[in-house]
């Protein structure tokens, strides 16, 4: 990051602030102003942009999980053994 120590300090303060609020951002729990602040920072910060993408992907995968757990491999083996006896 170029621009001198003051710009670096401002960036790092914004980075820490954003990093701490990414989950709240995804949950829609930030004010409009704070949402814009997160969006502005993630446009210029590759690290926060990657983290946000990772969190979004994780949430998408979690939402795709089945409500009822799938049978485990062990359950299937036990059931086949019972049927074979």
PDB file of N, CA and C in Angstrom:
ATOM      1  N   UNK A   1       0.842  -1.176   0.000  1.00  0.00           N
ATOM      2  CA  UNK A   1       0.000   0.000   0.000  1.00  0.00           C
ATOM      3  C   UNK A   1       0.881   1.229   0.000  1.00  0.00           C
ATOM      4  N   UNK A   2       0.751   2.053  -0.994  1.00  0.00           N
ATOM      5  CA  UNK A   2       1.504   3.301  -1.090  1.00  0.00           C
ATOM      6  C   UNK A   2       0.688   4.443  -0.529  1.00  0.00           C
ATOM      7  N   UNK A   3       1.347   5.535  -0.247  1.00  0.00           N
ATOM      8  CA  UNK A   3       0.624   6.707   0.208  1.00  0.00           C
ATOM      9  C   UNK A   3       1.082   7.211   1.560  1.00  0.00           C
ATOM     10  N   UNK A   4       2.024   6.560   2.137  1.00  0.00           N
ATOM     11  CA  UNK A   4       2.564   7.032   3.388  1.00  0.00           C
ATOM     12  C   UNK A   4       1.959   6.382   4.602  1.00  0.00           C
ATOM     13  N   UNK A   5       2.576   6.673   5.742  1.00  0.00           N
ATOM     14  CA  UNK A   5       2.154   6.000   6.985  1.00  0.00           C
ATOM     15  C   UNK A   5       0.739   6.356   7.434  1.00  0.00           C
ATOM     16  N   UNK A   6       0.286   7.562   7.165  1.00  0.00           N
ATOM     17  CA  UNK A   6      -1.066   7.942   7.610  1.00  0.00           C
ATOM     18  C   UNK A   6      -2.116   7.168   6.815  1.00  0.00           C
ATOM     19  N   UNK A   7      -1.932   7.091   5.498  1.00  0.00           N
ATOM     20  CA  UNK A   7      -2.886   6.330   4.691  1.00  0.00           C
ATOM     21  C   UNK A   7      -2.856   4.852   5.069  1.00  0.00           C
ATOM     22  N   UNK A   8      -1.676   4.351   5.355  1.00  0.00           N
ATOM     23  CA  UNK A   8      -1.540   2.943   5.769  1.00  0.00           C
ATOM     24  C   UNK A   8      -2.290   2.698   7.080  1.00  0.00           C
ATOM     25  N   UNK A   9      -2.151   3.611   8.013  1.00  0.00           N
ATOM     26  CA  UNK A   9      -2.828   3.482   9.309  1.00  0.00           C
ATOM     27  C   UNK A   9      -4.350   3.529   9.137  1.00  0.00           C
ATOM     28  N   UNK A  10      -4.814   4.429   8.280  1.00  0.00           N
ATOM     29  CA  UNK A  10      -6.259   4.529   8.022  1.00  0.00           C
ATOM     30  C   UNK A  10      -6.766   3.234   7.380  1.00  0.00           C
ATOM     31  N   UNK A  11      -6.005   2.726   6.402  1.00  0.00           N
ATOM     32  CA  UNK A  11      -6.393   1.487   5.734  1.00  0.00           C
ATOM     33  C   UNK A  11      -6.468   0.339   6.735  1.00  0.00           C
ATOM     34  N   UNK A  12      -5.465   0.217   7.577  1.00  0.00           N
ATOM     35  CA  UNK A  12      -5.437  -0.896   8.538  1.00  0.00           C
ATOM     36  C   UNK A  12      -6.565  -0.777   9.555  1.00  0.00           C
ATOM     37  N   UNK A  13      -6.901   0.434   9.959  1.00  0.00           N
ATOM     38  CA  UNK A  13      -8.025   0.614  10.882  1.00  0.00           C
ATOM     39  C   UNK A  13      -9.323   0.178  10.196  1.00  0.00           C
ATOM     40  N   UNK A  14      -9.485   0.580   8.941  1.00  0.00           N
ATOM     41  CA  UNK A  14     -10.666   0.186   8.177  1.00  0.00           C
ATOM     42  C   UNK A  14     -10.686  -1.329   7.946  1.00  0.00           C
ATOM     43  N   UNK A  15      -9.516  -1.900   7.720  1.00  0.00           N
ATOM     44  CA  UNK A  15      -9.391  -3.346   7.509  1.00  0.00           C
ATOM     45  C   UNK A  15      -9.857  -4.111   8.754  1.00  0.00           C
ATOM     46  N   UNK A  16      -9.367  -3.719   9.900  1.00  0.00           N
ATOM     47  CA  UNK A  16      -9.771  -4.402  11.147  1.00  0.00           C
ATOM     48  C   UNK A  16     -11.260  -4.234  11.403  1.00  0.00           C
ATOM     49  N   UNK A  17     -11.775  -3.033  11.177  1.00  0.00           N
ATOM     50  CA  UNK A  17     -13.203  -2.766  11.385  1.00  0.00           C
ATOM     51  C   UNK A  17     -14.038  -3.665  10.471  1.00  0.00           C
ATOM     52  N   UNK A  18     -13.663  -3.725   9.204  1.00  0.00           N
ATOM     53  CA  UNK A  18     -14.412  -4.523   8.230  1.00  0.00           C
ATOM     54  C   UNK A  18     -14.328  -6.006   8.569  1.00  0.00           C
ATOM     55  N   UNK A  19     -13.138  -6.462   8.843  1.00  0.00           N
ATOM     56  CA  UNK A  19     -12.925  -7.884   9.144  1.00  0.00           C
ATOM     57  C   UNK A  19     -13.825  -8.334  10.295  1.00  0.00           C
ATOM     58  N   UNK A  20     -13.971  -7.497  11.293  1.00  0.00           N
ATOM     59  CA  UNK A  20     -14.779  -7.833  12.469  1.00  0.00           C
ATOM     60  C   UNK A  20     -16.279  -7.834  12.175  1.00  0.00           C
ATOM     61  N   UNK A  21     -16.693  -7.262  11.044  1.00  0.00           N
ATOM     62  CA  UNK A  21     -18.125  -7.122  10.764  1.00  0.00           C
ATOM     63  C   UNK A  21     -18.614  -7.889   9.534  1.00  0.00           C
ATOM     64  N   UNK A  22     -17.772  -8.688   8.940  1.00  0.00           N
ATOM     65  CA  UNK A  22     -18.194  -9.395   7.730  1.00  0.00           C
ATOM     66  C   UNK A  22     -19.373 -10.329   7.986  1.00  0.00           C
ATOM     67  N   UNK A  23     -19.375 -11.017   9.092  1.00  0.00           N
ATOM     68  CA  UNK A  23     -20.483 -11.913   9.407  1.00  0.00           C
ATOM     69  C   UNK A  23     -21.785 -11.124   9.588  1.00  0.00           C
ATOM     70  N   UNK A  24     -21.711 -10.019  10.312  1.00  0.00           N
ATOM     71  CA  UNK A  24     -22.897  -9.173  10.483  1.00  0.00           C
ATOM     72  C   UNK A  24     -23.378  -8.630   9.140  1.00  0.00           C
ATOM     73  N   UNK A  25     -22.445  -8.306   8.265  1.00  0.00           N
ATOM     74  CA  UNK A  25     -22.787  -7.824   6.929  1.00  0.00           C
ATOM     75  C   UNK A  25     -23.594  -8.884   6.183  1.00  0.00           C
ATOM     76  N   UNK A  26     -23.102 -10.114   6.187  1.00  0.00           N
ATOM     77  CA  UNK A  26     -23.807 -11.191   5.484  1.00  0.00           C
ATOM     78  C   UNK A  26     -25.160 -11.497   6.105  1.00  0.00           C
ATOM     79  N   UNK A  27     -25.284 -11.291   7.396  1.00  0.00           N
ATOM     80  CA  UNK A  27     -26.552 -11.538   8.088  1.00  0.00           C
ATOM     81  C   UNK A  27     -27.533 -10.375   7.946  1.00  0.00           C
ATOM     82  N   UNK A  28     -27.099  -9.288   7.294  1.00  0.00           N
ATOM     83  CA  UNK A  28     -27.970  -8.126   7.115  1.00  0.00           C
ATOM     84  C   UNK A  28     -28.206  -7.354   8.397  1.00  0.00           C
ATOM     85  N   UNK A  29     -27.229  -7.386   9.294  1.00  0.00           N
ATOM     86  CA  UNK A  29     -27.398  -6.765  10.598  1.00  0.00           C
ATOM     87  C   UNK A  29     -26.692  -5.411  10.732  1.00  0.00           C
ATOM     88  N   UNK A  30     -26.189  -4.873   9.625  1.00  0.00           N
ATOM     89  CA  UNK A  30     -25.509  -3.581   9.677  1.00  0.00           C
ATOM     90  C   UNK A  30     -26.432  -2.492   9.149  1.00  0.00           C
ATOM     91  N   UNK A  31     -26.166  -1.281   9.587  1.00  0.00           N
ATOM     92  CA  UNK A  31     -26.890  -0.137   9.044  1.00  0.00           C
ATOM     93  C   UNK A  31     -26.479   0.033   7.581  1.00  0.00           C
ATOM     94  N   UNK A  32     -27.271   0.781   6.844  1.00  0.00           N
ATOM     95  CA  UNK A  32     -26.950   1.024   5.432  1.00  0.00           C
ATOM     96  C   UNK A  32     -25.571   1.669   5.295  1.00  0.00           C
ATOM     97  N   UNK A  33     -25.278   2.588   6.160  1.00  0.00           N
ATOM     98  CA  UNK A  33     -23.978   3.267   6.131  1.00  0.00           C
ATOM     99  C   UNK A  33     -22.831   2.287   6.362  1.00  0.00           C
ATOM    100  N   UNK A  34     -23.004   1.403   7.343  1.00  0.00           N
ATOM    101  CA  UNK A  34     -21.960   0.417   7.627  1.00  0.00           C
ATOM    102  C   UNK A  34     -21.844  -0.619   6.508  1.00  0.00           C
ATOM    103  N   UNK A  35     -22.976  -0.980   5.882  1.00  0.00           N
ATOM    104  CA  UNK A  35     -22.916  -1.878   4.727  1.00  0.00           C
ATOM    105  C   UNK A  35     -22.070  -1.263   3.620  1.00  0.00           C
ATOM    106  N   UNK A  36     -22.291   0.008   3.354  1.00  0.00           N
ATOM    107  CA  UNK A  36     -21.520   0.697   2.323  1.00  0.00           C
ATOM    108  C   UNK A  36     -20.038   0.742   2.685  1.00  0.00           C
ATOM    109  N   UNK A  37     -19.760   0.910   3.952  1.00  0.00           N
ATOM    110  CA  UNK A  37     -18.371   0.941   4.417  1.00  0.00           C
ATOM    111  C   UNK A  37     -17.689  -0.405   4.166  1.00  0.00           C
ATOM    112  N   UNK A  38     -18.391  -1.494   4.466  1.00  0.00           N
ATOM    113  CA  UNK A  38     -17.850  -2.834   4.210  1.00  0.00           C
ATOM    114  C   UNK A  38     -17.637  -3.029   2.714  1.00  0.00           C
ATOM    115  N   UNK A  39     -18.617  -2.672   1.908  1.00  0.00           N
ATOM    116  CA  UNK A  39     -18.522  -2.847   0.460  1.00  0.00           C
ATOM    117  C   UNK A  39     -17.375  -2.031  -0.133  1.00  0.00           C
ATOM    118  N   UNK A  40     -17.208  -0.827   0.338  1.00  0.00           N
ATOM    119  CA  UNK A  40     -16.122   0.018  -0.155  1.00  0.00           C
ATOM    120  C   UNK A  40     -14.766  -0.613   0.174  1.00  0.00           C
ATOM    121  N   UNK A  41     -14.620  -1.103   1.383  1.00  0.00           N
ATOM    122  CA  UNK A  41     -13.340  -1.693   1.770  1.00  0.00           C
ATOM    123  C   UNK A  41     -13.070  -2.989   1.011  1.00  0.00           C
ATOM    124  N   UNK A  42     -14.075  -3.827   0.861  1.00  0.00           N
ATOM    125  CA  UNK A  42     -13.845  -5.113   0.188  1.00  0.00           C
ATOM    126  C   UNK A  42     -13.536  -4.928  -1.301  1.00  0.00           C
ATOM    127  N   UNK A  43     -13.891  -3.790  -1.866  1.00  0.00           N
ATOM    128  CA  UNK A  43     -13.523  -3.516  -3.265  1.00  0.00           C
ATOM    129  C   UNK A  43     -12.029  -3.255  -3.415  1.00  0.00           C
ATOM    130  N   UNK A  44     -11.383  -2.759  -2.357  1.00  0.00           N
ATOM    131  CA  UNK A  44      -9.962  -2.413  -2.477  1.00  0.00           C
ATOM    132  C   UNK A  44      -9.042  -3.351  -1.697  1.00  0.00           C
ATOM    133  N   UNK A  45      -9.610  -4.225  -0.878  1.00  0.00           N
ATOM    134  CA  UNK A  45      -8.789  -5.103  -0.043  1.00  0.00           C
ATOM    135  C   UNK A  45      -8.951  -6.557  -0.500  1.00  0.00           C
ATOM    136  N   UNK A  46      -7.927  -7.111  -1.149  1.00  0.00           N
ATOM    137  CA  UNK A  46      -8.037  -8.500  -1.614  1.00  0.00           C
ATOM    138  C   UNK A  46      -8.278  -9.497  -0.486  1.00  0.00           C
ATOM    139  N   UNK A  47      -7.674  -9.271   0.654  1.00  0.00           N
ATOM    140  CA  UNK A  47      -7.837 -10.205   1.771  1.00  0.00           C
ATOM    141  C   UNK A  47      -9.284 -10.241   2.251  1.00  0.00           C
ATOM    142  N   UNK A  48      -9.888  -9.088   2.468  1.00  0.00           N
ATOM    143  CA  UNK A  48     -11.277  -9.039   2.928  1.00  0.00           C
ATOM    144  C   UNK A  48     -12.229  -9.515   1.837  1.00  0.00           C
ATOM    145  N   UNK A  49     -11.902  -9.235   0.593  1.00  0.00           N
ATOM    146  CA  UNK A  49     -12.720  -9.710  -0.520  1.00  0.00           C
ATOM    147  C   UNK A  49     -12.729 -11.234  -0.568  1.00  0.00           C
ATOM    148  N   UNK A  50     -11.563 -11.862  -0.405  1.00  0.00           N
ATOM    149  CA  UNK A  50     -11.482 -13.331  -0.390  1.00  0.00           C
ATOM    150  C   UNK A  50     -12.232 -13.915   0.801  1.00  0.00           C
ATOM    151  N   UNK A  51     -12.059 -13.291   1.964  1.00  0.00           N
ATOM    152  CA  UNK A  51     -12.743 -13.786   3.162  1.00  0.00           C
ATOM    153  C   UNK A  51     -14.255 -13.692   2.996  1.00  0.00           C
ATOM    154  N   UNK A  52     -14.732 -12.593   2.446  1.00  0.00           N
ATOM    155  CA  UNK A  52     -16.167 -12.434   2.216  1.00  0.00           C
ATOM    156  C   UNK A  52     -16.677 -13.498   1.250  1.00  0.00           C
ATOM    157  N   UNK A  53     -15.939 -13.755   0.190  1.00  0.00           N
ATOM    158  CA  UNK A  53     -16.339 -14.796  -0.762  1.00  0.00           C
ATOM    159  C   UNK A  53     -16.363 -16.168  -0.091  1.00  0.00           C
ATOM    160  N   UNK A  54     -15.388 -16.439   0.756  1.00  0.00           N
ATOM    161  CA  UNK A  54     -15.332 -17.716   1.469  1.00  0.00           C
ATOM    162  C   UNK A  54     -16.519 -17.855   2.419  1.00  0.00           C
ATOM    163  N   UNK A  55     -16.820 -16.804   3.143  1.00  0.00           N
ATOM    164  CA  UNK A  55     -17.970 -16.842   4.058  1.00  0.00           C
ATOM    165  C   UNK A  55     -19.267 -17.051   3.288  1.00  0.00           C
ATOM    166  N   UNK A  56     -19.417 -16.373   2.157  1.00  0.00           N
ATOM    167  CA  UNK A  56     -20.624 -16.550   1.336  1.00  0.00           C
ATOM    168  C   UNK A  56     -20.735 -17.997   0.861  1.00  0.00           C
ATOM    169  N   UNK A  57     -19.631 -18.556   0.409  1.00  0.00           N
ATOM    170  CA  UNK A  57     -19.637 -19.948  -0.047  1.00  0.00           C
ATOM    171  C   UNK A  57     -19.987 -20.912   1.070  1.00  0.00           C
ATOM    172  N   UNK A  58     -19.433 -20.669   2.239  1.00  0.00           N
ATOM    173  CA  UNK A  58     -19.721 -21.515   3.395  1.00  0.00           C
ATOM    174  C   UNK A  58     -21.202 -21.451   3.756  1.00  0.00           C
ATOM    175  N   UNK A  59     -21.759 -20.257   3.770  1.00  0.00           N
ATOM    176  CA  UNK A  59     -23.189 -20.112   4.069  1.00  0.00           C
ATOM    177  C   UNK A  59     -24.045 -20.815   3.023  1.00  0.00           C
ATOM    178  N   UNK A  60     -23.672 -20.677   1.766  1.00  0.00           N
ATOM    179  CA  UNK A  60     -24.418 -21.329   0.685  1.00  0.00           C
ATOM    180  C   UNK A  60     -24.406 -22.845   0.876  1.00  0.00           C
ATOM    181  N   UNK A  61     -23.244 -23.387   1.216  1.00  0.00           N
ATOM    182  CA  UNK A  61     -23.138 -24.835   1.436  1.00  0.00           C
ATOM    183  C   UNK A  61     -23.947 -25.265   2.659  1.00  0.00           C
ATOM    184  N   UNK A  62     -23.880 -24.488   3.717  1.00  0.00           N
ATOM    185  CA  UNK A  62     -24.637 -24.831   4.921  1.00  0.00           C
ATOM    186  C   UNK A  62     -26.136 -24.804   4.659  1.00  0.00           C
ATOM    187  N   UNK A  63     -26.582 -23.834   3.871  1.00  0.00           N
ATOM    188  CA  UNK A  63     -28.011 -23.739   3.556  1.00  0.00           C
ATOM    189  C   UNK A  63     -28.453 -24.918   2.690  1.00  0.00           C
ATOM    190  N   UNK A  64     -27.517 -25.540   1.987  1.00  0.00           N
ATOM    191  CA  UNK A  64     -27.853 -26.665   1.127  1.00  0.00           C
ATOM    192  C   UNK A  64     -27.875 -28.000   1.838  1.00  0.00           C
ATOM    193  N   UNK A  65     -27.491 -28.014   3.103  1.00  0.00           N
ATOM    194  CA  UNK A  65     -27.501 -29.272   3.846  1.00  0.00           C
ATOM    195  C   UNK A  65     -28.932 -29.743   4.062  1.00  0.00           C
ATOM    196  N   UNK A  66     -29.101 -31.021   4.152  1.00  0.00           N
ATOM    197  CA  UNK A  66     -30.419 -31.605   4.382  1.00  0.00           C
ATOM    198  C   UNK A  66     -30.863 -31.347   5.814  1.00  0.00           C
ATOM    199  N   UNK A  67     -32.166 -31.162   5.979  1.00  0.00           N
ATOM    200  CA  UNK A  67     -32.707 -30.989   7.323  1.00  0.00           C
ATOM    201  C   UNK A  67     -32.518 -32.253   8.151  1.00  0.00           C
ATOM    202  N   UNK A  68     -32.717 -33.381   7.516  1.00  0.00           N
ATOM    203  CA  UNK A  68     -32.538 -34.657   8.200  1.00  0.00           C
ATOM    204  C   UNK A  68     -31.181 -35.214   7.798  1.00  0.00           C
ATOM    205  N   UNK A  69     -30.416 -35.688   8.754  1.00  0.00           N
ATOM    206  CA  UNK A  69     -29.095 -36.208   8.392  1.00  0.00           C
ATOM    207  C   UNK A  69     -29.210 -37.436   7.493  1.00  0.00           C
ATOM    208  N   UNK A  70     -28.290 -37.496   6.558  1.00  0.00           N
ATOM    209  CA  UNK A  70     -28.233 -38.672   5.692  1.00  0.00           C
ATOM    210  C   UNK A  70     -27.706 -39.849   6.498  1.00  0.00           C
ATOM    211  N   UNK A  71     -28.119 -41.057   6.146  1.00  0.00           N
ATOM    212  CA  UNK A  71     -27.602 -42.205   6.898  1.00  0.00           C
ATOM    213  C   UNK A  71     -26.087 -42.303   6.732  1.00  0.00           C
ATOM    214  N   UNK A  72     -25.447 -42.697   7.783  1.00  0.00           N
ATOM    215  CA  UNK A  72     -23.996 -42.829   7.732  1.00  0.00           C
ATOM    216  C   UNK A  72     -23.629 -44.131   7.035  1.00  0.00           C
ATOM    217  N   UNK A  73     -22.392 -44.238   6.670  1.00  0.00           N
ATOM    218  CA  UNK A  73     -21.892 -45.471   6.053  1.00  0.00           C
ATOM    219  C   UNK A  73     -22.093 -46.636   7.015  1.00  0.00           C
ATOM    220  N   UNK A  74     -21.815 -46.400   8.291  1.00  0.00           N
ATOM    221  CA  UNK A  74     -21.958 -47.470   9.287  1.00  0.00           C
ATOM    222  C   UNK A  74     -23.403 -47.955   9.345  1.00  0.00           C
ATOM    223  N   UNK A  75     -24.370 -47.040   9.281  1.00  0.00           N
ATOM    224  CA  UNK A  75     -25.782 -47.447   9.308  1.00  0.00           C
ATOM    225  C   UNK A  75     -26.104 -48.343   8.115  1.00  0.00           C
ATOM    226  N   UNK A  76     -25.574 -48.009   6.958  1.00  0.00           N
ATOM    227  CA  UNK A  76     -25.810 -48.811   5.763  1.00  0.00           C
ATOM    228  C   UNK A  76     -25.211 -50.198   5.874  1.00  0.00           C
ATOM    229  N   UNK A  77     -24.014 -50.287   6.411  1.00  0.00           N
ATOM    230  CA  UNK A  77     -23.349 -51.582   6.587  1.00  0.00           C
ATOM    231  C   UNK A  77     -24.122 -52.437   7.574  1.00  0.00           C
ATOM    232  N   UNK A  78     -24.521 -51.853   8.680  1.00  0.00           N
ATOM    233  CA  UNK A  78     -25.280 -52.596   9.697  1.00  0.00           C
ATOM    234  C   UNK A  78     -26.588 -53.107   9.104  1.00  0.00           C
ATOM    235  N   UNK A  79     -27.282 -52.267   8.336  1.00  0.00           N
ATOM    236  CA  UNK A  79     -28.544 -52.683   7.723  1.00  0.00           C
ATOM    237  C   UNK A  79     -28.325 -53.839   6.749  1.00  0.00           C
ATOM    238  N   UNK A  80     -27.281 -53.778   5.939  1.00  0.00           N
ATOM    239  CA  UNK A  80     -26.994 -54.881   5.012  1.00  0.00           C
ATOM    240  C   UNK A  80     -26.651 -56.166   5.760  1.00  0.00           C
ATOM    241  N   UNK A  81     -25.918 -56.057   6.853  1.00  0.00           N
ATOM    242  CA  UNK A  81     -25.598 -57.248   7.665  1.00  0.00           C
ATOM    243  C   UNK A  81     -26.863 -57.855   8.254  1.00  0.00           C
ATOM    244  N   UNK A  82     -27.751 -57.023   8.738  1.00  0.00           N
ATOM    245  CA  UNK A  82     -29.006 -57.533   9.309  1.00  0.00           C
ATOM    246  C   UNK A  82     -29.825 -58.271   8.249  1.00  0.00           C
ATOM    247  N   UNK A  83     -29.883 -57.738   7.043  1.00  0.00           N
ATOM    248  CA  UNK A  83     -30.653 -58.367   5.977  1.00  0.00           C
ATOM    249  C   UNK A  83     -30.029 -59.689   5.520  1.00  0.00           C
ATOM    250  N   UNK A  84     -28.702 -59.785   5.655  1.00  0.00           N
ATOM    251  CA  UNK A  84     -28.043 -61.007   5.182  1.00  0.00           C
ATOM    252  C   UNK A  84     -28.132 -62.136   6.190  1.00  0.00           C
ATOM    253  N   UNK A  85     -28.538 -61.897   7.401  1.00  0.00           N
ATOM    254  CA  UNK A  85     -28.637 -62.959   8.425  1.00  0.00           C
ATOM    255  C   UNK A  85     -29.931 -63.612   8.357  1.00  0.00           C
TER     256      UNK A  85
END
